[in-house]
Amino acid sequence: MTNTFTHQMVISGVGGQGVLFVTRLLAEAAIAKALPVFTSETHGMAQRGGTVISHLKVGPFASPLINPGRADSLIAMKAENLAPHGGYLKPTGWAAVNGTAGDGQPSPLKTFFLDADGLAAKLGNPKAVNLIMLGFFLARNTVEQAHTAPFFCDLEDISVILEKRLHKNPQLLAASVQALKIGVEYPP
């Protein structure tokens, strides 16, 4: 991996969905690969279920915010976040969205849907939505970026970061890795 890799990503959801946790995992994975990284987030009324949006820029950027029409990818932890935040995507960008294609939400360019809420409920762990969506994103990103440079991290990289963060709580670590793998293994 060269230091010329660039990727601009928006992660959006509501308070309590782990948007910032996913952003930190990705940022730590970039740092582990000696890549420059910027993050920025807006919390709004997050503690009351309000919107949380995070910007992640990997590469030699000068500022942390992503301008509309410039993001390579978007993870929307709720389908209703696609409409207000889909405008960040550039024409070749794509989105991984928690929901179903029948949710009636407008779809920017390439959009992949996964009912992460349903999968998390089957796991008996509703807080696993963020890691399921991250796993889903990582798996779809491999397909989407097959014709260009590979993404800066994969399932193994994120698993290593989770191990470092959660090693003192083996039960939480196992549940987190399981959620991540469910997202990765979900059929396209």
N, C-alpha and C. Protein backbone atom coordinates (compact mmCIF):
# COMPACT_ATOMS: atom_id res chain seq x y z
N MET A 1 0.86 -1.17 0.00
CA MET A 1 0.00 0.00 0.00
C MET A 1 0.90 1.24 0.00
N THR A 2 0.70 2.10 -0.95
CA THR A 2 1.48 3.32 -1.00
C THR A 2 0.76 4.43 -0.27
N ASN A 3 1.48 5.46 0.06
CA ASN A 3 0.87 6.59 0.76
C ASN A 3 0.11 7.52 -0.18
N THR A 4 -0.12 7.10 -1.41
CA THR A 4 -0.91 7.91 -2.33
C THR A 4 -2.37 7.48 -2.32
N PHE A 5 -2.71 6.49 -1.52
CA PHE A 5 -4.09 6.04 -1.40
C PHE A 5 -4.96 7.18 -0.89
N THR A 6 -6.14 7.36 -1.47
CA THR A 6 -7.10 8.34 -0.96
C THR A 6 -8.49 7.72 -0.94
N HIS A 7 -9.23 8.07 0.07
CA HIS A 7 -10.63 7.65 0.16
C HIS A 7 -11.35 8.64 1.07
N GLN A 8 -12.50 9.11 0.61
CA GLN A 8 -13.34 9.99 1.41
C GLN A 8 -14.66 9.27 1.67
N MET A 9 -15.03 9.20 2.95
CA MET A 9 -16.17 8.39 3.35
C MET A 9 -17.04 9.13 4.35
N VAL A 10 -18.34 9.01 4.19
CA VAL A 10 -19.30 9.57 5.14
C VAL A 10 -20.00 8.40 5.81
N ILE A 11 -20.14 8.50 7.13
CA ILE A 11 -20.87 7.50 7.91
C ILE A 11 -21.96 8.26 8.64
N SER A 12 -23.21 7.84 8.46
CA SER A 12 -24.29 8.58 9.12
C SER A 12 -25.27 7.63 9.78
N GLY A 13 -25.89 8.15 10.81
CA GLY A 13 -26.87 7.38 11.57
C GLY A 13 -27.51 8.28 12.59
N VAL A 14 -27.97 7.68 13.67
CA VAL A 14 -28.54 8.45 14.77
C VAL A 14 -27.77 8.11 16.04
N GLY A 15 -27.96 8.94 17.05
CA GLY A 15 -27.28 8.73 18.31
C GLY A 15 -27.51 7.33 18.85
N GLY A 16 -26.43 6.71 19.32
CA GLY A 16 -26.52 5.38 19.90
C GLY A 16 -26.26 4.26 18.92
N GLN A 17 -26.08 4.57 17.63
CA GLN A 17 -25.86 3.53 16.63
C GLN A 17 -24.39 3.18 16.42
N GLY A 18 -23.49 3.87 17.07
CA GLY A 18 -22.08 3.53 16.95
C GLY A 18 -21.39 4.10 15.72
N VAL A 19 -21.90 5.20 15.19
CA VAL A 19 -21.28 5.86 14.04
C VAL A 19 -19.84 6.24 14.38
N LEU A 20 -19.65 6.84 15.54
CA LEU A 20 -18.31 7.29 15.92
C LEU A 20 -17.38 6.11 16.20
N PHE A 21 -17.92 5.02 16.72
CA PHE A 21 -17.10 3.82 16.97
C PHE A 21 -16.58 3.26 15.64
N VAL A 22 -17.44 3.15 14.65
CA VAL A 22 -17.03 2.65 13.33
C VAL A 22 -15.98 3.58 12.73
N THR A 23 -16.19 4.88 12.86
CA THR A 23 -15.23 5.85 12.34
C THR A 23 -13.87 5.67 13.00
N ARG A 24 -13.87 5.48 14.31
CA ARG A 24 -12.61 5.29 15.03
C ARG A 24 -11.91 3.99 14.62
N LEU A 25 -12.68 2.93 14.42
CA LEU A 25 -12.08 1.66 13.98
C LEU A 25 -11.38 1.85 12.63
N LEU A 26 -12.06 2.51 11.70
CA LEU A 26 -11.47 2.74 10.38
C LEU A 26 -10.25 3.65 10.47
N ALA A 27 -10.34 4.70 11.30
CA ALA A 27 -9.20 5.61 11.46
C ALA A 27 -8.00 4.87 12.06
N GLU A 28 -8.24 4.03 13.06
CA GLU A 28 -7.14 3.27 13.66
C GLU A 28 -6.53 2.29 12.66
N ALA A 29 -7.36 1.72 11.80
CA ALA A 29 -6.83 0.82 10.76
C ALA A 29 -5.94 1.59 9.79
N ALA A 30 -6.33 2.81 9.44
CA ALA A 30 -5.50 3.64 8.55
C ALA A 30 -4.18 3.99 9.23
N ILE A 31 -4.25 4.37 10.49
CA ILE A 31 -3.04 4.73 11.24
C ILE A 31 -2.10 3.52 11.33
N ALA A 32 -2.66 2.33 11.54
CA ALA A 32 -1.84 1.12 11.62
C ALA A 32 -1.09 0.85 10.31
N LYS A 33 -1.62 1.37 9.22
CA LYS A 33 -0.96 1.19 7.91
C LYS A 33 -0.14 2.42 7.53
N ALA A 34 0.08 3.31 8.50
CA ALA A 34 0.87 4.52 8.30
C ALA A 34 0.28 5.44 7.23
N LEU A 35 -1.05 5.45 7.15
CA LEU A 35 -1.73 6.34 6.20
C LEU A 35 -2.22 7.57 6.95
N PRO A 36 -2.13 8.75 6.33
CA PRO A 36 -2.68 9.93 6.97
C PRO A 36 -4.21 9.84 7.00
N VAL A 37 -4.80 10.30 8.10
CA VAL A 37 -6.25 10.19 8.24
C VAL A 37 -6.79 11.41 8.97
N PHE A 38 -7.94 11.88 8.52
CA PHE A 38 -8.70 12.94 9.19
C PHE A 38 -10.08 12.40 9.52
N THR A 39 -10.61 12.78 10.67
CA THR A 39 -12.01 12.48 10.99
C THR A 39 -12.65 13.75 11.52
N SER A 40 -13.94 13.83 11.32
CA SER A 40 -14.71 14.95 11.86
C SER A 40 -16.13 14.45 12.02
N GLU A 41 -16.81 14.90 13.06
CA GLU A 41 -18.18 14.46 13.24
C GLU A 41 -19.07 15.58 13.75
N THR A 42 -20.34 15.43 13.46
CA THR A 42 -21.37 16.34 13.95
C THR A 42 -22.34 15.50 14.76
N HIS A 43 -22.56 15.88 16.00
CA HIS A 43 -23.40 15.09 16.89
C HIS A 43 -24.84 15.55 16.93
N GLY A 44 -25.12 16.82 16.77
CA GLY A 44 -26.49 17.30 16.86
C GLY A 44 -27.11 16.88 18.18
N MET A 45 -28.32 16.41 18.13
CA MET A 45 -29.04 15.94 19.32
C MET A 45 -28.87 14.43 19.46
N ALA A 46 -27.66 13.97 19.33
CA ALA A 46 -27.37 12.54 19.28
C ALA A 46 -27.90 11.79 20.49
N GLN A 47 -27.80 12.38 21.67
CA GLN A 47 -28.24 11.67 22.87
C GLN A 47 -29.75 11.48 22.88
N ARG A 48 -30.45 12.21 22.05
CA ARG A 48 -31.91 12.08 21.96
C ARG A 48 -32.33 11.43 20.65
N GLY A 49 -31.43 10.67 20.06
CA GLY A 49 -31.76 9.96 18.84
C GLY A 49 -31.60 10.80 17.58
N GLY A 50 -30.93 11.95 17.69
CA GLY A 50 -30.73 12.82 16.53
C GLY A 50 -29.63 12.31 15.62
N THR A 51 -29.49 12.96 14.50
CA THR A 51 -28.53 12.56 13.48
C THR A 51 -27.09 12.75 13.93
N VAL A 52 -26.26 11.76 13.59
CA VAL A 52 -24.82 11.82 13.78
C VAL A 52 -24.22 11.56 12.40
N ILE A 53 -23.32 12.43 11.98
CA ILE A 53 -22.64 12.24 10.70
C ILE A 53 -21.15 12.38 10.93
N SER A 54 -20.41 11.47 10.33
CA SER A 54 -18.96 11.45 10.50
C SER A 54 -18.30 11.47 9.13
N HIS A 55 -17.21 12.22 9.03
CA HIS A 55 -16.41 12.29 7.81
C HIS A 55 -15.08 11.59 8.09
N LEU A 56 -14.66 10.73 7.18
CA LEU A 56 -13.38 10.05 7.29
C LEU A 56 -12.64 10.25 5.98
N LYS A 57 -11.45 10.83 6.07
CA LYS A 57 -10.62 11.05 4.89
C LYS A 57 -9.29 10.37 5.11
N VAL A 58 -8.97 9.44 4.23
CA VAL A 58 -7.70 8.73 4.30
C VAL A 58 -6.88 9.16 3.10
N GLY A 59 -5.69 9.67 3.38
CA GLY A 59 -4.82 10.15 2.31
C GLY A 59 -4.31 11.54 2.63
N PRO A 60 -3.57 12.11 1.70
CA PRO A 60 -2.92 13.41 1.94
C PRO A 60 -3.88 14.60 1.74
N PHE A 61 -4.86 14.71 2.62
CA PHE A 61 -5.82 15.80 2.56
C PHE A 61 -5.40 16.92 3.51
N ALA A 62 -5.95 18.11 3.29
CA ALA A 62 -5.59 19.26 4.12
C ALA A 62 -6.67 19.62 5.14
N SER A 63 -7.88 19.11 4.96
CA SER A 63 -8.94 19.44 5.91
C SER A 63 -9.82 18.20 6.15
N PRO A 64 -10.52 18.16 7.29
CA PRO A 64 -11.28 16.96 7.64
C PRO A 64 -12.67 16.86 7.01
N LEU A 65 -13.24 17.95 6.54
CA LEU A 65 -14.61 17.89 6.04
C LEU A 65 -14.66 17.50 4.57
N ILE A 66 -15.68 16.74 4.23
CA ILE A 66 -15.90 16.30 2.85
C ILE A 66 -16.94 17.22 2.23
N ASN A 67 -16.62 17.75 1.08
CA ASN A 67 -17.57 18.60 0.36
C ASN A 67 -18.61 17.73 -0.35
N PRO A 68 -19.83 18.25 -0.52
CA PRO A 68 -20.84 17.50 -1.29
C PRO A 68 -20.30 17.12 -2.66
N GLY A 69 -20.66 15.92 -3.09
CA GLY A 69 -20.23 15.44 -4.39
C GLY A 69 -18.81 14.92 -4.45
N ARG A 70 -18.16 14.71 -3.29
CA ARG A 70 -16.74 14.30 -3.28
C ARG A 70 -16.48 12.96 -2.58
N ALA A 71 -17.45 12.43 -1.86
CA ALA A 71 -17.23 11.19 -1.10
C ALA A 71 -17.20 9.98 -2.03
N ASP A 72 -16.30 9.08 -1.74
CA ASP A 72 -16.21 7.82 -2.47
C ASP A 72 -17.27 6.83 -2.00
N SER A 73 -17.62 6.91 -0.71
CA SER A 73 -18.56 5.95 -0.17
C SER A 73 -19.33 6.54 1.00
N LEU A 74 -20.43 5.87 1.32
CA LEU A 74 -21.32 6.26 2.41
C LEU A 74 -21.81 5.00 3.09
N ILE A 75 -21.77 5.00 4.41
CA ILE A 75 -22.46 3.97 5.19
C ILE A 75 -23.60 4.71 5.89
N ALA A 76 -24.83 4.31 5.60
CA ALA A 76 -26.01 4.88 6.25
C ALA A 76 -26.57 3.84 7.21
N MET A 77 -26.49 4.12 8.50
CA MET A 77 -26.96 3.18 9.51
C MET A 77 -28.48 3.11 9.57
N LYS A 78 -29.14 4.07 8.94
CA LYS A 78 -30.60 4.07 8.81
C LYS A 78 -30.92 4.50 7.38
N ALA A 79 -31.91 3.87 6.77
CA ALA A 79 -32.26 4.17 5.38
C ALA A 79 -32.64 5.63 5.21
N GLU A 80 -33.28 6.22 6.21
CA GLU A 80 -33.69 7.62 6.07
C GLU A 80 -32.51 8.60 6.04
N ASN A 81 -31.32 8.13 6.37
CA ASN A 81 -30.13 8.99 6.28
C ASN A 81 -29.59 9.06 4.86
N LEU A 82 -30.05 8.19 3.99
CA LEU A 82 -29.57 8.17 2.62
C LEU A 82 -29.95 9.46 1.88
N ALA A 83 -31.18 9.91 2.02
CA ALA A 83 -31.62 11.11 1.29
C ALA A 83 -30.82 12.35 1.68
N PRO A 84 -30.68 12.67 2.97
CA PRO A 84 -29.94 13.90 3.30
C PRO A 84 -28.43 13.80 3.11
N HIS A 85 -27.87 12.60 3.16
CA HIS A 85 -26.42 12.48 3.09
C HIS A 85 -25.90 11.85 1.80
N GLY A 86 -26.78 11.35 0.96
CA GLY A 86 -26.38 10.78 -0.32
C GLY A 86 -25.73 11.81 -1.23
N GLY A 87 -26.04 13.08 -1.02
CA GLY A 87 -25.45 14.16 -1.83
C GLY A 87 -23.96 14.34 -1.63
N TYR A 88 -23.43 13.72 -0.60
CA TYR A 88 -21.98 13.79 -0.41
C TYR A 88 -21.24 12.92 -1.43
N LEU A 89 -21.94 11.94 -2.01
CA LEU A 89 -21.28 11.00 -2.93
C LEU A 89 -20.93 11.66 -4.25
N LYS A 90 -19.76 11.29 -4.77
CA LYS A 90 -19.37 11.74 -6.10
C LYS A 90 -20.07 10.83 -7.12
N PRO A 91 -20.05 11.18 -8.39
CA PRO A 91 -20.77 10.38 -9.39
C PRO A 91 -20.39 8.90 -9.43
N THR A 92 -19.16 8.57 -9.07
CA THR A 92 -18.74 7.17 -9.05
C THR A 92 -18.84 6.56 -7.66
N GLY A 93 -19.37 7.30 -6.70
CA GLY A 93 -19.47 6.81 -5.32
C GLY A 93 -20.58 5.79 -5.15
N TRP A 94 -20.62 5.18 -3.98
CA TRP A 94 -21.65 4.18 -3.69
C TRP A 94 -21.96 4.16 -2.20
N ALA A 95 -23.12 3.56 -1.88
CA ALA A 95 -23.60 3.57 -0.50
C ALA A 95 -23.96 2.17 -0.03
N ALA A 96 -23.65 1.89 1.23
CA ALA A 96 -24.11 0.70 1.94
C ALA A 96 -25.14 1.19 2.94
N VAL A 97 -26.37 0.68 2.84
CA VAL A 97 -27.49 1.24 3.61
C VAL A 97 -28.18 0.16 4.43
N ASN A 98 -28.43 0.47 5.70
CA ASN A 98 -29.20 -0.41 6.57
C ASN A 98 -30.67 -0.21 6.24
N GLY A 99 -31.24 -1.18 5.57
CA GLY A 99 -32.64 -1.13 5.18
C GLY A 99 -32.86 -2.06 4.01
N THR A 100 -34.01 -1.90 3.38
CA THR A 100 -34.31 -2.69 2.19
C THR A 100 -34.55 -1.75 1.03
N ALA A 101 -34.33 -2.26 -0.17
CA ALA A 101 -34.51 -1.43 -1.37
C ALA A 101 -35.94 -0.91 -1.46
N GLY A 102 -36.89 -1.57 -0.84
CA GLY A 102 -38.28 -1.13 -0.87
C GLY A 102 -38.63 -0.09 0.18
N ASP A 103 -37.63 0.46 0.86
CA ASP A 103 -37.91 1.47 1.87
C ASP A 103 -38.40 2.78 1.27
N GLY A 104 -38.38 2.89 -0.06
CA GLY A 104 -38.88 4.10 -0.71
C GLY A 104 -37.91 5.26 -0.67
N GLN A 105 -36.69 5.01 -0.28
CA GLN A 105 -35.70 6.07 -0.24
C GLN A 105 -35.06 6.24 -1.62
N PRO A 106 -34.77 7.48 -2.00
CA PRO A 106 -34.08 7.66 -3.28
C PRO A 106 -32.67 7.08 -3.18
N SER A 107 -32.21 6.47 -4.26
CA SER A 107 -30.91 5.81 -4.24
C SER A 107 -29.90 6.56 -5.09
N PRO A 108 -28.78 6.99 -4.50
CA PRO A 108 -27.73 7.59 -5.32
C PRO A 108 -26.98 6.48 -6.04
N LEU A 109 -26.82 6.62 -7.30
CA LEU A 109 -25.99 5.73 -8.11
C LEU A 109 -26.03 4.28 -7.63
N LYS A 110 -24.93 3.79 -7.11
CA LYS A 110 -24.89 2.40 -6.65
C LYS A 110 -25.22 2.37 -5.16
N THR A 111 -26.25 1.62 -4.83
CA THR A 111 -26.67 1.51 -3.44
C THR A 111 -26.91 0.04 -3.11
N PHE A 112 -26.31 -0.41 -2.02
CA PHE A 112 -26.48 -1.78 -1.56
C PHE A 112 -27.19 -1.75 -0.22
N PHE A 113 -28.25 -2.53 -0.11
CA PHE A 113 -29.07 -2.54 1.10
C PHE A 113 -28.87 -3.83 1.88
N LEU A 114 -28.91 -3.71 3.18
CA LEU A 114 -28.85 -4.85 4.09
C LEU A 114 -29.74 -4.54 5.29
N ASP A 115 -30.60 -5.47 5.66
CA ASP A 115 -31.44 -5.29 6.84
C ASP A 115 -30.60 -5.65 8.08
N ALA A 116 -29.70 -4.74 8.44
CA ALA A 116 -28.82 -4.97 9.59
C ALA A 116 -29.60 -4.98 10.89
N ASP A 117 -30.69 -4.21 10.97
CA ASP A 117 -31.52 -4.24 12.17
C ASP A 117 -32.09 -5.64 12.38
N GLY A 118 -32.57 -6.25 11.30
CA GLY A 118 -33.13 -7.60 11.39
C GLY A 118 -32.08 -8.63 11.77
N LEU A 119 -30.89 -8.52 11.17
CA LEU A 119 -29.81 -9.45 11.49
C LEU A 119 -29.36 -9.29 12.94
N ALA A 120 -29.28 -8.05 13.40
CA ALA A 120 -28.87 -7.80 14.79
C ALA A 120 -29.92 -8.35 15.76
N ALA A 121 -31.20 -8.22 15.41
CA ALA A 121 -32.26 -8.76 16.26
C ALA A 121 -32.16 -10.29 16.33
N LYS A 122 -31.85 -10.94 15.19
CA LYS A 122 -31.68 -12.40 15.20
C LYS A 122 -30.51 -12.82 16.07
N LEU A 123 -29.49 -11.97 16.13
CA LEU A 123 -28.34 -12.24 17.00
C LEU A 123 -28.68 -12.03 18.47
N GLY A 124 -29.77 -11.30 18.71
CA GLY A 124 -30.11 -10.93 20.08
C GLY A 124 -29.26 -9.78 20.57
N ASN A 125 -28.70 -9.01 19.62
CA ASN A 125 -27.80 -7.91 19.96
C ASN A 125 -28.10 -6.70 19.07
N PRO A 126 -29.12 -5.90 19.42
CA PRO A 126 -29.50 -4.77 18.57
C PRO A 126 -28.39 -3.72 18.40
N LYS A 127 -27.42 -3.71 19.31
CA LYS A 127 -26.32 -2.75 19.19
C LYS A 127 -25.27 -3.18 18.17
N ALA A 128 -25.44 -4.36 17.58
CA ALA A 128 -24.47 -4.88 16.61
C ALA A 128 -24.65 -4.31 15.21
N VAL A 129 -25.67 -3.48 15.02
CA VAL A 129 -25.96 -2.94 13.68
C VAL A 129 -24.74 -2.28 13.07
N ASN A 130 -24.00 -1.48 13.85
CA ASN A 130 -22.86 -0.76 13.28
C ASN A 130 -21.79 -1.70 12.75
N LEU A 131 -21.48 -2.76 13.48
CA LEU A 131 -20.44 -3.69 13.02
C LEU A 131 -20.94 -4.57 11.88
N ILE A 132 -22.20 -4.91 11.88
CA ILE A 132 -22.77 -5.64 10.75
C ILE A 132 -22.65 -4.78 9.49
N MET A 133 -22.99 -3.50 9.60
CA MET A 133 -22.90 -2.61 8.44
C MET A 133 -21.46 -2.39 8.02
N LEU A 134 -20.53 -2.31 8.96
CA LEU A 134 -19.12 -2.17 8.60
C LEU A 134 -18.64 -3.41 7.84
N GLY A 135 -19.01 -4.60 8.32
CA GLY A 135 -18.65 -5.82 7.62
C GLY A 135 -19.25 -5.87 6.22
N PHE A 136 -20.50 -5.47 6.11
CA PHE A 136 -21.19 -5.43 4.82
C PHE A 136 -20.47 -4.46 3.88
N PHE A 137 -20.11 -3.29 4.40
CA PHE A 137 -19.37 -2.30 3.60
C PHE A 137 -18.04 -2.88 3.12
N LEU A 138 -17.29 -3.49 4.03
CA LEU A 138 -15.98 -4.03 3.66
C LEU A 138 -16.10 -5.09 2.56
N ALA A 139 -17.11 -5.95 2.66
CA ALA A 139 -17.31 -6.98 1.64
C ALA A 139 -17.70 -6.37 0.30
N ARG A 140 -18.63 -5.42 0.31
CA ARG A 140 -19.07 -4.77 -0.93
C ARG A 140 -17.97 -3.90 -1.50
N ASN A 141 -17.17 -3.30 -0.66
CA ASN A 141 -16.09 -2.44 -1.12
C ASN A 141 -15.08 -3.25 -1.93
N THR A 142 -14.85 -4.48 -1.53
CA THR A 142 -13.94 -5.35 -2.27
C THR A 142 -14.43 -5.51 -3.71
N VAL A 143 -15.73 -5.67 -3.88
CA VAL A 143 -16.32 -5.81 -5.21
C VAL A 143 -16.27 -4.49 -5.96
N GLU A 144 -16.66 -3.41 -5.30
CA GLU A 144 -16.73 -2.10 -5.95
C GLU A 144 -15.36 -1.57 -6.36
N GLN A 145 -14.34 -1.88 -5.59
CA GLN A 145 -13.01 -1.36 -5.87
C GLN A 145 -12.13 -2.35 -6.64
N ALA A 146 -12.72 -3.44 -7.12
CA ALA A 146 -11.92 -4.47 -7.80
C ALA A 146 -11.17 -3.92 -9.00
N HIS A 147 -11.71 -2.90 -9.65
CA HIS A 147 -11.08 -2.34 -10.84
C HIS A 147 -10.09 -1.20 -10.52
N THR A 148 -10.00 -0.83 -9.26
CA THR A 148 -9.09 0.24 -8.84
C THR A 148 -8.23 -0.26 -7.69
N ALA A 149 -7.58 0.65 -7.02
CA ALA A 149 -6.74 0.28 -5.87
C ALA A 149 -7.62 -0.31 -4.77
N PRO A 150 -7.12 -1.33 -4.06
CA PRO A 150 -7.91 -1.92 -2.98
C PRO A 150 -8.10 -0.94 -1.84
N PHE A 151 -9.16 -1.16 -1.06
CA PHE A 151 -9.44 -0.34 0.11
C PHE A 151 -8.30 -0.50 1.10
N PHE A 152 -8.11 0.45 1.97
CA PHE A 152 -6.95 0.43 2.87
C PHE A 152 -7.05 -0.59 3.98
N CYS A 153 -8.24 -1.14 4.23
CA CYS A 153 -8.34 -2.15 5.29
C CYS A 153 -9.37 -3.20 4.91
N ASP A 154 -9.32 -4.32 5.66
CA ASP A 154 -10.25 -5.41 5.40
C ASP A 154 -10.72 -5.99 6.74
N LEU A 155 -11.43 -7.10 6.67
CA LEU A 155 -11.97 -7.75 7.86
C LEU A 155 -10.87 -8.06 8.88
N GLU A 156 -9.75 -8.57 8.42
CA GLU A 156 -8.66 -8.93 9.33
C GLU A 156 -8.11 -7.69 10.05
N ASP A 157 -7.94 -6.59 9.32
CA ASP A 157 -7.43 -5.36 9.93
C ASP A 157 -8.38 -4.85 11.02
N ILE A 158 -9.67 -4.85 10.73
CA ILE A 158 -10.65 -4.38 11.72
C ILE A 158 -10.71 -5.34 12.90
N SER A 159 -10.59 -6.64 12.64
CA SER A 159 -10.59 -7.62 13.74
C SER A 159 -9.41 -7.39 14.68
N VAL A 160 -8.25 -7.04 14.13
CA VAL A 160 -7.07 -6.74 14.95
C VAL A 160 -7.34 -5.51 15.83
N ILE A 161 -7.95 -4.49 15.25
CA ILE A 161 -8.26 -3.27 16.02
C ILE A 161 -9.26 -3.61 17.12
N LEU A 162 -10.28 -4.41 16.81
CA LEU A 162 -11.25 -4.81 17.83
C LEU A 162 -10.56 -5.58 18.96
N GLU A 163 -9.65 -6.46 18.60
CA GLU A 163 -8.91 -7.24 19.61
C GLU A 163 -8.14 -6.29 20.55
N LYS A 164 -7.48 -5.29 19.99
CA LYS A 164 -6.73 -4.33 20.81
C LYS A 164 -7.65 -3.56 21.74
N ARG A 165 -8.82 -3.17 21.22
CA ARG A 165 -9.74 -2.35 22.01
C ARG A 165 -10.51 -3.16 23.05
N LEU A 166 -10.85 -4.40 22.73
CA LEU A 166 -11.79 -5.16 23.56
C LEU A 166 -11.17 -6.38 24.23
N HIS A 167 -9.85 -6.52 24.22
CA HIS A 167 -9.21 -7.72 24.75
C HIS A 167 -9.55 -8.00 26.21
N LYS A 168 -9.90 -7.00 26.97
CA LYS A 168 -10.23 -7.21 28.38
C LYS A 168 -11.66 -7.71 28.58
N ASN A 169 -12.43 -7.74 27.49
CA ASN A 169 -13.81 -8.21 27.57
C ASN A 169 -14.03 -9.25 26.46
N PRO A 170 -13.60 -10.50 26.69
CA PRO A 170 -13.66 -11.53 25.65
C PRO A 170 -15.08 -11.76 25.09
N GLN A 171 -16.08 -11.64 25.93
CA GLN A 171 -17.46 -11.86 25.48
C GLN A 171 -17.87 -10.77 24.48
N LEU A 172 -17.56 -9.51 24.79
CA LEU A 172 -17.88 -8.41 23.89
C LEU A 172 -17.06 -8.52 22.61
N LEU A 173 -15.80 -8.91 22.74
CA LEU A 173 -14.95 -9.09 21.56
C LEU A 173 -15.53 -10.15 20.64
N ALA A 174 -15.93 -11.28 21.18
CA ALA A 174 -16.49 -12.37 20.36
C ALA A 174 -17.77 -11.92 19.67
N ALA A 175 -18.64 -11.21 20.40
CA ALA A 175 -19.89 -10.72 19.82
C ALA A 175 -19.62 -9.70 18.72
N SER A 176 -18.61 -8.86 18.91
CA SER A 176 -18.26 -7.83 17.93
C SER A 176 -17.72 -8.45 16.65
N VAL A 177 -16.82 -9.41 16.79
CA VAL A 177 -16.25 -10.08 15.62
C VAL A 177 -17.34 -10.87 14.89
N GLN A 178 -18.23 -11.50 15.65
CA GLN A 178 -19.34 -12.24 15.03
C GLN A 178 -20.22 -11.30 14.20
N ALA A 179 -20.55 -10.13 14.74
CA ALA A 179 -21.37 -9.16 14.01
C ALA A 179 -20.67 -8.69 12.74
N LEU A 180 -19.40 -8.40 12.84
CA LEU A 180 -18.61 -7.98 11.68
C LEU A 180 -18.64 -9.06 10.59
N LYS A 181 -18.44 -10.32 10.99
CA LYS A 181 -18.42 -11.42 10.03
C LYS A 181 -19.79 -11.64 9.39
N ILE A 182 -20.86 -11.45 10.15
CA ILE A 182 -22.21 -11.60 9.57
C ILE A 182 -22.40 -10.62 8.43
N GLY A 183 -21.95 -9.39 8.62
CA GLY A 183 -22.04 -8.39 7.55
C GLY A 183 -21.20 -8.75 6.35
N VAL A 184 -19.99 -9.26 6.58
CA VAL A 184 -19.10 -9.65 5.49
C VAL A 184 -19.69 -10.82 4.72
N GLU A 185 -20.26 -11.79 5.41
CA GLU A 185 -20.72 -13.01 4.78
C GLU A 185 -22.11 -12.91 4.17
N TYR A 186 -22.80 -11.80 4.40
CA TYR A 186 -24.15 -11.67 3.85
C TYR A 186 -24.10 -11.75 2.33
N PRO A 187 -24.95 -12.58 1.73
CA PRO A 187 -24.87 -12.74 0.27
C PRO A 187 -25.13 -11.42 -0.47
N PRO A 188 -24.38 -11.19 -1.56
CA PRO A 188 -24.59 -9.97 -2.34
C PRO A 188 -25.93 -9.97 -3.03
